[in-house]
């Protein structure tokens, strides 16, 4: 079993019975020769994946980059396939939309093993 398979198996085994949706804005321009133009009809792409959601420890709250109520969400890289999130993306968790404050892409080569998101309620 490859490491990326192990990451997914562990999240499925020890994570909550909880799926989160990653909402990724479609930002591709309608005309590739004019990348400054934005498509007003662009929609979001939604991917639902198994996840582990953990509150951030109070000792890490600094009132700026980490605030009370922030959470860490772990998602296996295999769950996202070729999708690469950004801080413009949002996470829908149990019906609540959350902003991605930051994320770490754990990728010790060319394979994404794990994404670690810091999220905050909108």
PDB file of N, CA and C in Angstrom:
ATOM      1  N   UNK A   1       0.858  -1.177   0.000  1.00  0.00           N
ATOM      2  CA  UNK A   1       0.000   0.000   0.000  1.00  0.00           C
ATOM      3  C   UNK A   1       0.904   1.241   0.000  1.00  0.00           C
ATOM      4  N   UNK A   2       0.665   2.135  -0.947  1.00  0.00           N
ATOM      5  CA  UNK A   2       1.434   3.367  -1.047  1.00  0.00           C
ATOM      6  C   UNK A   2       1.039   4.322   0.081  1.00  0.00           C
ATOM      7  N   UNK A   3       1.921   5.276   0.377  1.00  0.00           N
ATOM      8  CA  UNK A   3       1.652   6.219   1.472  1.00  0.00           C
ATOM      9  C   UNK A   3       0.369   7.019   1.264  1.00  0.00           C
ATOM     10  N   UNK A   4       0.076   7.413   0.028  1.00  0.00           N
ATOM     11  CA  UNK A   4      -1.138   8.186  -0.208  1.00  0.00           C
ATOM     12  C   UNK A   4      -2.387   7.342   0.070  1.00  0.00           C
ATOM     13  N   UNK A   5      -2.310   6.033  -0.191  1.00  0.00           N
ATOM     14  CA  UNK A   5      -3.421   5.132   0.138  1.00  0.00           C
ATOM     15  C   UNK A   5      -3.575   5.006   1.648  1.00  0.00           C
ATOM     16  N   UNK A   6      -2.436   4.963   2.353  1.00  0.00           N
ATOM     17  CA  UNK A   6      -2.456   4.869   3.814  1.00  0.00           C
ATOM     18  C   UNK A   6      -3.108   6.105   4.427  1.00  0.00           C
ATOM     19  N   UNK A   7      -2.771   7.286   3.906  1.00  0.00           N
ATOM     20  CA  UNK A   7      -3.368   8.532   4.414  1.00  0.00           C
ATOM     21  C   UNK A   7      -4.885   8.497   4.274  1.00  0.00           C
ATOM     22  N   UNK A   8      -5.361   8.069   3.121  1.00  0.00           N
ATOM     23  CA  UNK A   8      -6.803   8.006   2.893  1.00  0.00           C
ATOM     24  C   UNK A   8      -7.459   6.965   3.809  1.00  0.00           C
ATOM     25  N   UNK A   9      -6.821   5.803   3.955  1.00  0.00           N
ATOM     26  CA  UNK A   9      -7.370   4.744   4.810  1.00  0.00           C
ATOM     27  C   UNK A   9      -7.460   5.198   6.269  1.00  0.00           C
ATOM     28  N   UNK A  10      -6.438   5.917   6.758  1.00  0.00           N
ATOM     29  CA  UNK A  10      -6.441   6.385   8.144  1.00  0.00           C
ATOM     30  C   UNK A  10      -7.514   7.441   8.381  1.00  0.00           C
ATOM     31  N   UNK A  11      -7.708   8.325   7.429  1.00  0.00           N
ATOM     32  CA  UNK A  11      -8.752   9.344   7.575  1.00  0.00           C
ATOM     33  C   UNK A  11     -10.128   8.682   7.581  1.00  0.00           C
ATOM     34  N   UNK A  12     -10.313   7.705   6.721  1.00  0.00           N
ATOM     35  CA  UNK A  12     -11.599   6.992   6.709  1.00  0.00           C
ATOM     36  C   UNK A  12     -11.820   6.210   7.995  1.00  0.00           C
ATOM     37  N   UNK A  13     -10.740   5.623   8.548  1.00  0.00           N
ATOM     38  CA  UNK A  13     -10.867   4.788   9.739  1.00  0.00           C
ATOM     39  C   UNK A  13     -11.063   5.612  11.010  1.00  0.00           C
ATOM     40  N   UNK A  14     -10.267   6.669  11.179  1.00  0.00           N
ATOM     41  CA  UNK A  14     -10.273   7.416  12.438  1.00  0.00           C
ATOM     42  C   UNK A  14     -11.020   8.740  12.365  1.00  0.00           C
ATOM     43  N   UNK A  15     -11.369   9.165  11.177  1.00  0.00           N
ATOM     44  CA  UNK A  15     -12.122  10.408  11.038  1.00  0.00           C
ATOM     45  C   UNK A  15     -13.565  10.195  11.441  1.00  0.00           C
ATOM     46  N   UNK A  16     -14.265  11.285  11.576  1.00  0.00           N
ATOM     47  CA  UNK A  16     -15.680  11.210  11.904  1.00  0.00           C
ATOM     48  C   UNK A  16     -16.450  10.753  10.668  1.00  0.00           C
ATOM     49  N   UNK A  17     -17.660  10.301  10.863  1.00  0.00           N
ATOM     50  CA  UNK A  17     -18.517  10.003   9.727  1.00  0.00           C
ATOM     51  C   UNK A  17     -19.011  11.346   9.202  1.00  0.00           C
ATOM     52  N   UNK A  18     -18.134  12.027   8.545  1.00  0.00           N
ATOM     53  CA  UNK A  18     -18.409  13.393   8.156  1.00  0.00           C
ATOM     54  C   UNK A  18     -17.739  13.660   6.819  1.00  0.00           C
ATOM     55  N   UNK A  19     -18.502  14.170   5.917  1.00  0.00           N
ATOM     56  CA  UNK A  19     -17.959  14.536   4.626  1.00  0.00           C
ATOM     57  C   UNK A  19     -17.974  16.050   4.520  1.00  0.00           C
ATOM     58  N   UNK A  20     -16.914  16.606   3.973  1.00  0.00           N
ATOM     59  CA  UNK A  20     -16.882  18.038   3.726  1.00  0.00           C
ATOM     60  C   UNK A  20     -16.829  18.249   2.219  1.00  0.00           C
ATOM     61  N   UNK A  21     -17.371  19.353   1.780  1.00  0.00           N
ATOM     62  CA  UNK A  21     -17.326  19.702   0.366  1.00  0.00           C
ATOM     63  C   UNK A  21     -16.362  20.852   0.186  1.00  0.00           C
ATOM     64  N   UNK A  22     -15.476  20.706  -0.755  1.00  0.00           N
ATOM     65  CA  UNK A  22     -14.543  21.764  -1.114  1.00  0.00           C
ATOM     66  C   UNK A  22     -15.164  22.523  -2.264  1.00  0.00           C
ATOM     67  N   UNK A  23     -15.421  23.806  -2.073  1.00  0.00           N
ATOM     68  CA  UNK A  23     -16.047  24.647  -3.089  1.00  0.00           C
ATOM     69  C   UNK A  23     -14.955  25.476  -3.752  1.00  0.00           C
ATOM     70  N   UNK A  24     -14.704  25.195  -5.011  1.00  0.00           N
ATOM     71  CA  UNK A  24     -13.609  25.845  -5.726  1.00  0.00           C
ATOM     72  C   UNK A  24     -14.190  26.746  -6.803  1.00  0.00           C
ATOM     73  N   UNK A  25     -13.899  28.052  -6.731  1.00  0.00           N
ATOM     74  CA  UNK A  25     -14.446  28.958  -7.750  1.00  0.00           C
ATOM     75  C   UNK A  25     -13.811  28.681  -9.110  1.00  0.00           C
ATOM     76  N   UNK A  26     -14.628  28.686 -10.153  1.00  0.00           N
ATOM     77  CA  UNK A  26     -14.107  28.565 -11.512  1.00  0.00           C
ATOM     78  C   UNK A  26     -13.637  29.942 -11.947  1.00  0.00           C
ATOM     79  N   UNK A  27     -12.345  30.083 -12.118  1.00  0.00           N
ATOM     80  CA  UNK A  27     -11.794  31.393 -12.442  1.00  0.00           C
ATOM     81  C   UNK A  27     -11.179  31.436 -13.837  1.00  0.00           C
ATOM     82  N   UNK A  28     -11.371  30.383 -14.609  1.00  0.00           N
ATOM     83  CA  UNK A  28     -10.812  30.378 -15.959  1.00  0.00           C
ATOM     84  C   UNK A  28     -11.510  31.447 -16.797  1.00  0.00           C
ATOM     85  N   UNK A  29     -10.739  32.244 -17.529  1.00  0.00           N
ATOM     86  CA  UNK A  29     -11.369  33.269 -18.371  1.00  0.00           C
ATOM     87  C   UNK A  29     -12.124  32.620 -19.523  1.00  0.00           C
ATOM     88  N   UNK A  30     -13.213  33.258 -19.995  1.00  0.00           N
ATOM     89  CA  UNK A  30     -13.971  32.683 -21.108  1.00  0.00           C
ATOM     90  C   UNK A  30     -13.148  32.630 -22.391  1.00  0.00           C
ATOM     91  N   UNK A  31     -12.218  33.558 -22.538  1.00  0.00           N
ATOM     92  CA  UNK A  31     -11.338  33.602 -23.708  1.00  0.00           C
ATOM     93  C   UNK A  31      -9.897  33.524 -23.211  1.00  0.00           C
ATOM     94  N   UNK A  32      -9.198  32.397 -23.430  1.00  0.00           N
ATOM     95  CA  UNK A  32      -7.828  32.241 -22.919  1.00  0.00           C
ATOM     96  C   UNK A  32      -6.852  33.297 -23.432  1.00  0.00           C
ATOM     97  N   UNK A  33      -7.183  33.951 -24.550  1.00  0.00           N
ATOM     98  CA  UNK A  33      -6.291  34.995 -25.065  1.00  0.00           C
ATOM     99  C   UNK A  33      -6.501  36.320 -24.346  1.00  0.00           C
ATOM    100  N   UNK A  34      -7.559  36.387 -23.486  1.00  0.00           N
ATOM    101  CA  UNK A  34      -7.842  37.594 -22.701  1.00  0.00           C
ATOM    102  C   UNK A  34      -8.025  37.201 -21.234  1.00  0.00           C
ATOM    103  N   UNK A  35      -6.921  36.813 -20.553  1.00  0.00           N
ATOM    104  CA  UNK A  35      -7.043  36.314 -19.174  1.00  0.00           C
ATOM    105  C   UNK A  35      -7.539  37.342 -18.162  1.00  0.00           C
ATOM    106  N   UNK A  36      -7.564  38.599 -18.509  1.00  0.00           N
ATOM    107  CA  UNK A  36      -8.039  39.634 -17.588  1.00  0.00           C
ATOM    108  C   UNK A  36      -9.564  39.691 -17.525  1.00  0.00           C
ATOM    109  N   UNK A  37     -10.234  39.057 -18.478  1.00  0.00           N
ATOM    110  CA  UNK A  37     -11.688  39.046 -18.479  1.00  0.00           C
ATOM    111  C   UNK A  37     -12.197  37.906 -17.591  1.00  0.00           C
ATOM    112  N   UNK A  38     -13.231  38.194 -16.838  1.00  0.00           N
ATOM    113  CA  UNK A  38     -13.813  37.200 -15.940  1.00  0.00           C
ATOM    114  C   UNK A  38     -15.178  36.790 -16.471  1.00  0.00           C
ATOM    115  N   UNK A  39     -15.459  35.498 -16.398  1.00  0.00           N
ATOM    116  CA  UNK A  39     -16.749  34.994 -16.848  1.00  0.00           C
ATOM    117  C   UNK A  39     -17.792  35.249 -15.759  1.00  0.00           C
ATOM    118  N   UNK A  40     -18.775  36.113 -16.000  1.00  0.00           N
ATOM    119  CA  UNK A  40     -19.777  36.415 -14.965  1.00  0.00           C
ATOM    120  C   UNK A  40     -20.695  35.227 -14.661  1.00  0.00           C
ATOM    121  N   UNK A  41     -20.699  34.225 -15.518  1.00  0.00           N
ATOM    122  CA  UNK A  41     -21.556  33.064 -15.288  1.00  0.00           C
ATOM    123  C   UNK A  41     -20.797  31.905 -14.643  1.00  0.00           C
ATOM    124  N   UNK A  42     -19.539  32.146 -14.255  1.00  0.00           N
ATOM    125  CA  UNK A  42     -18.728  31.078 -13.661  1.00  0.00           C
ATOM    126  C   UNK A  42     -19.378  30.565 -12.378  1.00  0.00           C
ATOM    127  N   UNK A  43     -19.274  29.280 -12.162  1.00  0.00           N
ATOM    128  CA  UNK A  43     -19.853  28.665 -10.972  1.00  0.00           C
ATOM    129  C   UNK A  43     -18.741  27.995 -10.170  1.00  0.00           C
ATOM    130  N   UNK A  44     -19.116  27.379  -9.071  1.00  0.00           N
ATOM    131  CA  UNK A  44     -18.151  26.674  -8.239  1.00  0.00           C
ATOM    132  C   UNK A  44     -18.154  25.197  -8.588  1.00  0.00           C
ATOM    133  N   UNK A  45     -16.998  24.580  -8.397  1.00  0.00           N
ATOM    134  CA  UNK A  45     -16.891  23.132  -8.498  1.00  0.00           C
ATOM    135  C   UNK A  45     -16.932  22.599  -7.081  1.00  0.00           C
ATOM    136  N   UNK A  46     -17.704  21.560  -6.853  1.00  0.00           N
ATOM    137  CA  UNK A  46     -17.844  21.001  -5.510  1.00  0.00           C
ATOM    138  C   UNK A  46     -17.352  19.564  -5.507  1.00  0.00           C
ATOM    139  N   UNK A  47     -16.479  19.249  -4.551  1.00  0.00           N
ATOM    140  CA  UNK A  47     -15.966  17.896  -4.374  1.00  0.00           C
ATOM    141  C   UNK A  47     -16.233  17.519  -2.925  1.00  0.00           C
ATOM    142  N   UNK A  48     -16.884  16.386  -2.699  1.00  0.00           N
ATOM    143  CA  UNK A  48     -17.174  15.933  -1.340  1.00  0.00           C
ATOM    144  C   UNK A  48     -16.203  14.822  -0.978  1.00  0.00           C
ATOM    145  N   UNK A  49     -15.534  14.985   0.168  1.00  0.00           N
ATOM    146  CA  UNK A  49     -14.470  14.058   0.575  1.00  0.00           C
ATOM    147  C   UNK A  49     -14.583  13.721   2.056  1.00  0.00           C
ATOM    148  N   UNK A  50     -14.063  12.546   2.473  1.00  0.00           N
ATOM    149  CA  UNK A  50     -14.003  12.246   3.905  1.00  0.00           C
ATOM    150  C   UNK A  50     -12.944  13.132   4.555  1.00  0.00           C
ATOM    151  N   UNK A  51     -13.172  13.498   5.813  1.00  0.00           N
ATOM    152  CA  UNK A  51     -12.248  14.422   6.477  1.00  0.00           C
ATOM    153  C   UNK A  51     -12.200  14.177   7.974  1.00  0.00           C
ATOM    154  N   UNK A  52     -11.152  14.693   8.582  1.00  0.00           N
ATOM    155  CA  UNK A  52     -11.026  14.747  10.033  1.00  0.00           C
ATOM    156  C   UNK A  52     -11.076  16.222  10.402  1.00  0.00           C
ATOM    157  N   UNK A  53     -11.985  16.582  11.305  1.00  0.00           N
ATOM    158  CA  UNK A  53     -12.139  17.979  11.728  1.00  0.00           C
ATOM    159  C   UNK A  53     -11.766  18.064  13.204  1.00  0.00           C
ATOM    160  N   UNK A  54     -10.815  18.964  13.513  1.00  0.00           N
ATOM    161  CA  UNK A  54     -10.300  19.092  14.878  1.00  0.00           C
ATOM    162  C   UNK A  54     -10.268  20.570  15.265  1.00  0.00           C
ATOM    163  N   UNK A  55     -10.814  20.932  16.430  1.00  0.00           N
ATOM    164  CA  UNK A  55     -10.698  22.323  16.881  1.00  0.00           C
ATOM    165  C   UNK A  55      -9.223  22.662  17.135  1.00  0.00           C
ATOM    166  N   UNK A  56      -8.851  23.896  16.884  1.00  0.00           N
ATOM    167  CA  UNK A  56      -7.476  24.335  17.162  1.00  0.00           C
ATOM    168  C   UNK A  56      -7.367  24.618  18.659  1.00  0.00           C
ATOM    169  N   UNK A  57      -6.291  24.156  19.263  1.00  0.00           N
ATOM    170  CA  UNK A  57      -6.084  24.308  20.702  1.00  0.00           C
ATOM    171  C   UNK A  57      -6.094  25.779  21.109  1.00  0.00           C
ATOM    172  N   UNK A  58      -6.695  26.058  22.260  1.00  0.00           N
ATOM    173  CA  UNK A  58      -6.763  27.446  22.770  1.00  0.00           C
ATOM    174  C   UNK A  58      -5.383  28.065  22.918  1.00  0.00           C
ATOM    175  N   UNK A  59      -4.385  27.256  23.235  1.00  0.00           N
ATOM    176  CA  UNK A  59      -3.030  27.783  23.433  1.00  0.00           C
ATOM    177  C   UNK A  59      -2.436  28.337  22.140  1.00  0.00           C
ATOM    178  N   UNK A  60      -2.994  27.969  20.989  1.00  0.00           N
ATOM    179  CA  UNK A  60      -2.489  28.460  19.700  1.00  0.00           C
ATOM    180  C   UNK A  60      -3.208  29.716  19.223  1.00  0.00           C
ATOM    181  N   UNK A  61      -4.302  30.087  19.901  1.00  0.00           N
ATOM    182  CA  UNK A  61      -5.075  31.264  19.499  1.00  0.00           C
ATOM    183  C   UNK A  61      -4.283  32.521  19.835  1.00  0.00           C
ATOM    184  N   UNK A  62      -4.042  33.343  18.784  1.00  0.00           N
ATOM    185  CA  UNK A  62      -3.318  34.599  18.998  1.00  0.00           C
ATOM    186  C   UNK A  62      -4.186  35.820  18.698  1.00  0.00           C
ATOM    187  N   UNK A  63      -5.415  35.586  18.257  1.00  0.00           N
ATOM    188  CA  UNK A  63      -6.327  36.695  17.972  1.00  0.00           C
ATOM    189  C   UNK A  63      -6.134  37.295  16.594  1.00  0.00           C
ATOM    190  N   UNK A  64      -5.089  36.903  15.888  1.00  0.00           N
ATOM    191  CA  UNK A  64      -4.837  37.416  14.539  1.00  0.00           C
ATOM    192  C   UNK A  64      -4.940  36.294  13.517  1.00  0.00           C
ATOM    193  N   UNK A  65      -3.838  35.594  13.312  1.00  0.00           N
ATOM    194  CA  UNK A  65      -3.854  34.533  12.306  1.00  0.00           C
ATOM    195  C   UNK A  65      -4.616  33.301  12.778  1.00  0.00           C
ATOM    196  N   UNK A  66      -4.685  33.095  14.077  1.00  0.00           N
ATOM    197  CA  UNK A  66      -5.471  31.994  14.647  1.00  0.00           C
ATOM    198  C   UNK A  66      -6.463  32.599  15.635  1.00  0.00           C
ATOM    199  N   UNK A  67      -7.763  32.369  15.373  1.00  0.00           N
ATOM    200  CA  UNK A  67      -8.796  32.948  16.213  1.00  0.00           C
ATOM    201  C   UNK A  67      -9.613  31.864  16.899  1.00  0.00           C
ATOM    202  N   UNK A  68     -10.264  32.248  17.985  1.00  0.00           N
ATOM    203  CA  UNK A  68     -11.154  31.343  18.712  1.00  0.00           C
ATOM    204  C   UNK A  68     -12.177  30.767  17.736  1.00  0.00           C
ATOM    205  N   UNK A  69     -12.355  29.467  17.736  1.00  0.00           N
ATOM    206  CA  UNK A  69     -13.329  28.825  16.856  1.00  0.00           C
ATOM    207  C   UNK A  69     -12.733  28.277  15.564  1.00  0.00           C
ATOM    208  N   UNK A  70     -11.486  28.638  15.259  1.00  0.00           N
ATOM    209  CA  UNK A  70     -10.844  28.084  14.066  1.00  0.00           C
ATOM    210  C   UNK A  70     -10.701  26.576  14.221  1.00  0.00           C
ATOM    211  N   UNK A  71     -10.695  25.884  13.104  1.00  0.00           N
ATOM    212  CA  UNK A  71     -10.563  24.434  13.112  1.00  0.00           C
ATOM    213  C   UNK A  71      -9.501  24.001  12.113  1.00  0.00           C
ATOM    214  N   UNK A  72      -8.993  22.798  12.318  1.00  0.00           N
ATOM    215  CA  UNK A  72      -8.108  22.151  11.359  1.00  0.00           C
ATOM    216  C   UNK A  72      -8.912  21.048  10.691  1.00  0.00           C
ATOM    217  N   UNK A  73      -8.852  20.996   9.376  1.00  0.00           N
ATOM    218  CA  UNK A  73      -9.508  19.926   8.630  1.00  0.00           C
ATOM    219  C   UNK A  73      -8.441  19.198   7.823  1.00  0.00           C
ATOM    220  N   UNK A  74      -8.368  17.882   8.021  1.00  0.00           N
ATOM    221  CA  UNK A  74      -7.416  17.044   7.306  1.00  0.00           C
ATOM    222  C   UNK A  74      -8.140  16.290   6.203  1.00  0.00           C
ATOM    223  N   UNK A  75      -7.573  16.341   5.001  1.00  0.00           N
ATOM    224  CA  UNK A  75      -8.148  15.656   3.844  1.00  0.00           C
ATOM    225  C   UNK A  75      -7.022  14.922   3.135  1.00  0.00           C
ATOM    226  N   UNK A  76      -7.252  13.655   2.812  1.00  0.00           N
ATOM    227  CA  UNK A  76      -6.250  12.884   2.082  1.00  0.00           C
ATOM    228  C   UNK A  76      -6.106  13.422   0.662  1.00  0.00           C
ATOM    229  N   UNK A  77      -4.871  13.491   0.202  1.00  0.00           N
ATOM    230  CA  UNK A  77      -4.604  13.983  -1.147  1.00  0.00           C
ATOM    231  C   UNK A  77      -5.323  13.189  -2.224  1.00  0.00           C
ATOM    232  N   UNK A  78      -5.430  11.877  -2.038  1.00  0.00           N
ATOM    233  CA  UNK A  78      -6.121  11.034  -3.029  1.00  0.00           C
ATOM    234  C   UNK A  78      -7.578  11.426  -3.183  1.00  0.00           C
ATOM    235  N   UNK A  79      -8.180  11.950  -2.124  1.00  0.00           N
ATOM    236  CA  UNK A  79      -9.591  12.327  -2.176  1.00  0.00           C
ATOM    237  C   UNK A  79      -9.845  13.444  -3.175  1.00  0.00           C
ATOM    238  N   UNK A  80      -8.852  14.325  -3.327  1.00  0.00           N
ATOM    239  CA  UNK A  80      -9.038  15.484  -4.197  1.00  0.00           C
ATOM    240  C   UNK A  80      -8.648  15.221  -5.643  1.00  0.00           C
ATOM    241  N   UNK A  81      -7.971  14.104  -5.898  1.00  0.00           N
ATOM    242  CA  UNK A  81      -7.549  13.812  -7.265  1.00  0.00           C
ATOM    243  C   UNK A  81      -6.633  14.908  -7.785  1.00  0.00           C
ATOM    244  N   UNK A  82      -6.949  15.431  -8.964  1.00  0.00           N
ATOM    245  CA  UNK A  82      -6.113  16.467  -9.582  1.00  0.00           C
ATOM    246  C   UNK A  82      -6.490  17.876  -9.122  1.00  0.00           C
ATOM    247  N   UNK A  83      -7.493  17.996  -8.260  1.00  0.00           N
ATOM    248  CA  UNK A  83      -7.946  19.300  -7.788  1.00  0.00           C
ATOM    249  C   UNK A  83      -6.961  19.874  -6.793  1.00  0.00           C
ATOM    250  N   UNK A  84      -6.561  21.116  -7.016  1.00  0.00           N
ATOM    251  CA  UNK A  84      -5.660  21.800  -6.088  1.00  0.00           C
ATOM    252  C   UNK A  84      -6.414  23.002  -5.519  1.00  0.00           C
ATOM    253  N   UNK A  85      -6.689  22.985  -4.214  1.00  0.00           N
ATOM    254  CA  UNK A  85      -7.436  24.090  -3.615  1.00  0.00           C
ATOM    255  C   UNK A  85      -6.580  25.352  -3.478  1.00  0.00           C
ATOM    256  N   UNK A  86      -7.227  26.439  -3.139  1.00  0.00           N
ATOM    257  CA  UNK A  86      -6.532  27.691  -2.854  1.00  0.00           C
ATOM    258  C   UNK A  86      -7.252  28.368  -1.691  1.00  0.00           C
ATOM    259  N   UNK A  87      -6.717  29.486  -1.219  1.00  0.00           N
ATOM    260  CA  UNK A  87      -7.390  30.196  -0.133  1.00  0.00           C
ATOM    261  C   UNK A  87      -8.646  30.913  -0.639  1.00  0.00           C
ATOM    262  N   UNK A  88      -8.869  30.926  -1.964  1.00  0.00           N
ATOM    263  CA  UNK A  88     -10.132  31.438  -2.518  1.00  0.00           C
ATOM    264  C   UNK A  88     -11.234  30.394  -2.427  1.00  0.00           C
ATOM    265  N   UNK A  89     -10.842  29.142  -2.204  1.00  0.00           N
ATOM    266  CA  UNK A  89     -11.812  28.057  -2.066  1.00  0.00           C
ATOM    267  C   UNK A  89     -12.495  28.174  -0.703  1.00  0.00           C
ATOM    268  N   UNK A  90     -13.590  27.477  -0.553  1.00  0.00           N
ATOM    269  CA  UNK A  90     -14.302  27.432   0.725  1.00  0.00           C
ATOM    270  C   UNK A  90     -14.589  25.971   1.035  1.00  0.00           C
ATOM    271  N   UNK A  91     -14.893  25.699   2.294  1.00  0.00           N
ATOM    272  CA  UNK A  91     -15.261  24.351   2.700  1.00  0.00           C
ATOM    273  C   UNK A  91     -16.658  24.400   3.294  1.00  0.00           C
ATOM    274  N   UNK A  92     -17.498  23.498   2.834  1.00  0.00           N
ATOM    275  CA  UNK A  92     -18.843  23.373   3.367  1.00  0.00           C
ATOM    276  C   UNK A  92     -18.831  22.181   4.311  1.00  0.00           C
ATOM    277  N   UNK A  93     -19.048  22.444   5.603  1.00  0.00           N
ATOM    278  CA  UNK A  93     -18.967  21.414   6.638  1.00  0.00           C
ATOM    279  C   UNK A  93     -20.262  21.418   7.438  1.00  0.00           C
ATOM    280  N   UNK A  94     -21.011  20.332   7.338  1.00  0.00           N
ATOM    281  CA  UNK A  94     -22.296  20.197   8.033  1.00  0.00           C
ATOM    282  C   UNK A  94     -23.197  21.403   7.787  1.00  0.00           C
ATOM    283  N   UNK A  95     -23.247  21.839   6.537  1.00  0.00           N
ATOM    284  CA  UNK A  95     -24.119  22.939   6.142  1.00  0.00           C
ATOM    285  C   UNK A  95     -23.567  24.325   6.397  1.00  0.00           C
ATOM    286  N   UNK A  96     -22.408  24.421   7.034  1.00  0.00           N
ATOM    287  CA  UNK A  96     -21.826  25.729   7.334  1.00  0.00           C
ATOM    288  C   UNK A  96     -20.637  25.994   6.408  1.00  0.00           C
ATOM    289  N   UNK A  97     -20.672  27.153   5.747  1.00  0.00           N
ATOM    290  CA  UNK A  97     -19.575  27.529   4.862  1.00  0.00           C
ATOM    291  C   UNK A  97     -18.423  28.096   5.690  1.00  0.00           C
ATOM    292  N   UNK A  98     -17.218  27.617   5.417  1.00  0.00           N
ATOM    293  CA  UNK A  98     -16.032  28.057   6.151  1.00  0.00           C
ATOM    294  C   UNK A  98     -14.969  28.548   5.182  1.00  0.00           C
ATOM    295  N   UNK A  99     -14.320  29.633   5.575  1.00  0.00           N
ATOM    296  CA  UNK A  99     -13.233  30.185   4.766  1.00  0.00           C
ATOM    297  C   UNK A  99     -11.950  29.430   5.045  1.00  0.00           C
ATOM    298  N   UNK A 100     -11.172  29.198   4.001  1.00  0.00           N
ATOM    299  CA  UNK A 100      -9.848  28.605   4.176  1.00  0.00           C
ATOM    300  C   UNK A 100      -8.888  29.749   4.473  1.00  0.00           C
ATOM    301  N   UNK A 101      -8.350  29.760   5.690  1.00  0.00           N
ATOM    302  CA  UNK A 101      -7.410  30.798   6.108  1.00  0.00           C
ATOM    303  C   UNK A 101      -6.019  30.478   5.572  1.00  0.00           C
ATOM    304  N   UNK A 102      -5.633  29.219   5.717  1.00  0.00           N
ATOM    305  CA  UNK A 102      -4.348  28.760   5.188  1.00  0.00           C
ATOM    306  C   UNK A 102      -4.432  27.252   5.014  1.00  0.00           C
ATOM    307  N   UNK A 103      -3.499  26.712   4.271  1.00  0.00           N
ATOM    308  CA  UNK A 103      -3.430  25.257   4.175  1.00  0.00           C
ATOM    309  C   UNK A 103      -2.012  24.829   3.857  1.00  0.00           C
ATOM    310  N   UNK A 104      -1.706  23.625   4.299  1.00  0.00           N
ATOM    311  CA  UNK A 104      -0.425  23.003   3.995  1.00  0.00           C
ATOM    312  C   UNK A 104      -0.692  21.830   3.080  1.00  0.00           C
ATOM    313  N   UNK A 105       0.077  21.766   2.037  1.00  0.00           N
ATOM    314  CA  UNK A 105      -0.007  20.665   1.073  1.00  0.00           C
ATOM    315  C   UNK A 105       1.179  19.757   1.362  1.00  0.00           C
ATOM    316  N   UNK A 106       0.931  18.620   1.958  1.00  0.00           N
ATOM    317  CA  UNK A 106       2.014  17.722   2.342  1.00  0.00           C
ATOM    318  C   UNK A 106       2.295  16.829   1.140  1.00  0.00           C
ATOM    319  N   UNK A 107       3.443  17.112   0.534  1.00  0.00           N
ATOM    320  CA  UNK A 107       3.776  16.545  -0.770  1.00  0.00           C
ATOM    321  C   UNK A 107       5.282  16.310  -0.853  1.00  0.00           C
ATOM    322  N   UNK A 108       5.752  15.224  -0.276  1.00  0.00           N
ATOM    323  CA  UNK A 108       7.203  14.999  -0.275  1.00  0.00           C
ATOM    324  C   UNK A 108       7.724  14.422  -1.596  1.00  0.00           C
ATOM    325  N   UNK A 109       7.186  14.850  -2.672  1.00  0.00           N
ATOM    326  CA  UNK A 109       7.564  14.392  -4.009  1.00  0.00           C
ATOM    327  C   UNK A 109       6.536  14.944  -4.966  1.00  0.00           C
ATOM    328  N   UNK A 110       6.068  14.126  -5.856  1.00  0.00           N
ATOM    329  CA  UNK A 110       5.061  14.573  -6.822  1.00  0.00           C
ATOM    330  C   UNK A 110       3.653  14.118  -6.466  1.00  0.00           C
ATOM    331  N   UNK A 111       3.506  13.469  -5.314  1.00  0.00           N
ATOM    332  CA  UNK A 111       2.202  12.961  -4.902  1.00  0.00           C
ATOM    333  C   UNK A 111       1.723  13.705  -3.658  1.00  0.00           C
ATOM    334  N   UNK A 112       0.488  14.204  -3.708  1.00  0.00           N
ATOM    335  CA  UNK A 112      -0.114  14.857  -2.550  1.00  0.00           C
ATOM    336  C   UNK A 112      -0.594  13.791  -1.583  1.00  0.00           C
ATOM    337  N   UNK A 113      -0.019  13.771  -0.360  1.00  0.00           N
ATOM    338  CA  UNK A 113      -0.439  12.804   0.644  1.00  0.00           C
ATOM    339  C   UNK A 113      -1.581  13.336   1.485  1.00  0.00           C
ATOM    340  N   UNK A 114      -1.491  14.608   1.863  1.00  0.00           N
ATOM    341  CA  UNK A 114      -2.434  15.146   2.834  1.00  0.00           C
ATOM    342  C   UNK A 114      -2.541  16.658   2.663  1.00  0.00           C
ATOM    343  N   UNK A 115      -3.743  17.163   2.861  1.00  0.00           N
ATOM    344  CA  UNK A 115      -3.970  18.607   2.951  1.00  0.00           C
ATOM    345  C   UNK A 115      -4.411  18.901   4.372  1.00  0.00           C
ATOM    346  N   UNK A 116      -3.815  19.936   4.953  1.00  0.00           N
ATOM    347  CA  UNK A 116      -4.165  20.367   6.311  1.00  0.00           C
ATOM    348  C   UNK A 116      -4.668  21.796   6.187  1.00  0.00           C
ATOM    349  N   UNK A 117      -5.981  21.982   6.371  1.00  0.00           N
ATOM    350  CA  UNK A 117      -6.609  23.295   6.213  1.00  0.00           C
ATOM    351  C   UNK A 117      -6.859  23.934   7.562  1.00  0.00           C
ATOM    352  N   UNK A 118      -6.594  25.238   7.663  1.00  0.00           N
ATOM    353  CA  UNK A 118      -7.060  26.019   8.806  1.00  0.00           C
ATOM    354  C   UNK A 118      -8.283  26.765   8.280  1.00  0.00           C
ATOM    355  N   UNK A 119      -9.438  26.539   8.936  1.00  0.00           N
ATOM    356  CA  UNK A 119     -10.681  27.143   8.459  1.00  0.00           C
ATOM    357  C   UNK A 119     -11.337  27.977   9.554  1.00  0.00           C
ATOM    358  N   UNK A 120     -12.165  28.904   9.101  1.00  0.00           N
ATOM    359  CA  UNK A 120     -12.892  29.803  10.010  1.00  0.00           C
ATOM    360  C   UNK A 120     -14.306  29.981   9.480  1.00  0.00           C
ATOM    361  N   UNK A 121     -15.277  29.933  10.351  1.00  0.00           N
ATOM    362  CA  UNK A 121     -16.668  30.118   9.955  1.00  0.00           C
ATOM    363  C   UNK A 121     -16.834  31.473   9.272  1.00  0.00           C
ATOM    364  N   UNK A 122     -17.643  31.491   8.200  1.00  0.00           N
ATOM    365  CA  UNK A 122     -17.860  32.734   7.436  1.00  0.00           C
ATOM    366  C   UNK A 122     -18.682  33.716   8.235  1.00  0.00           C
TER     367      UNK A 122
END
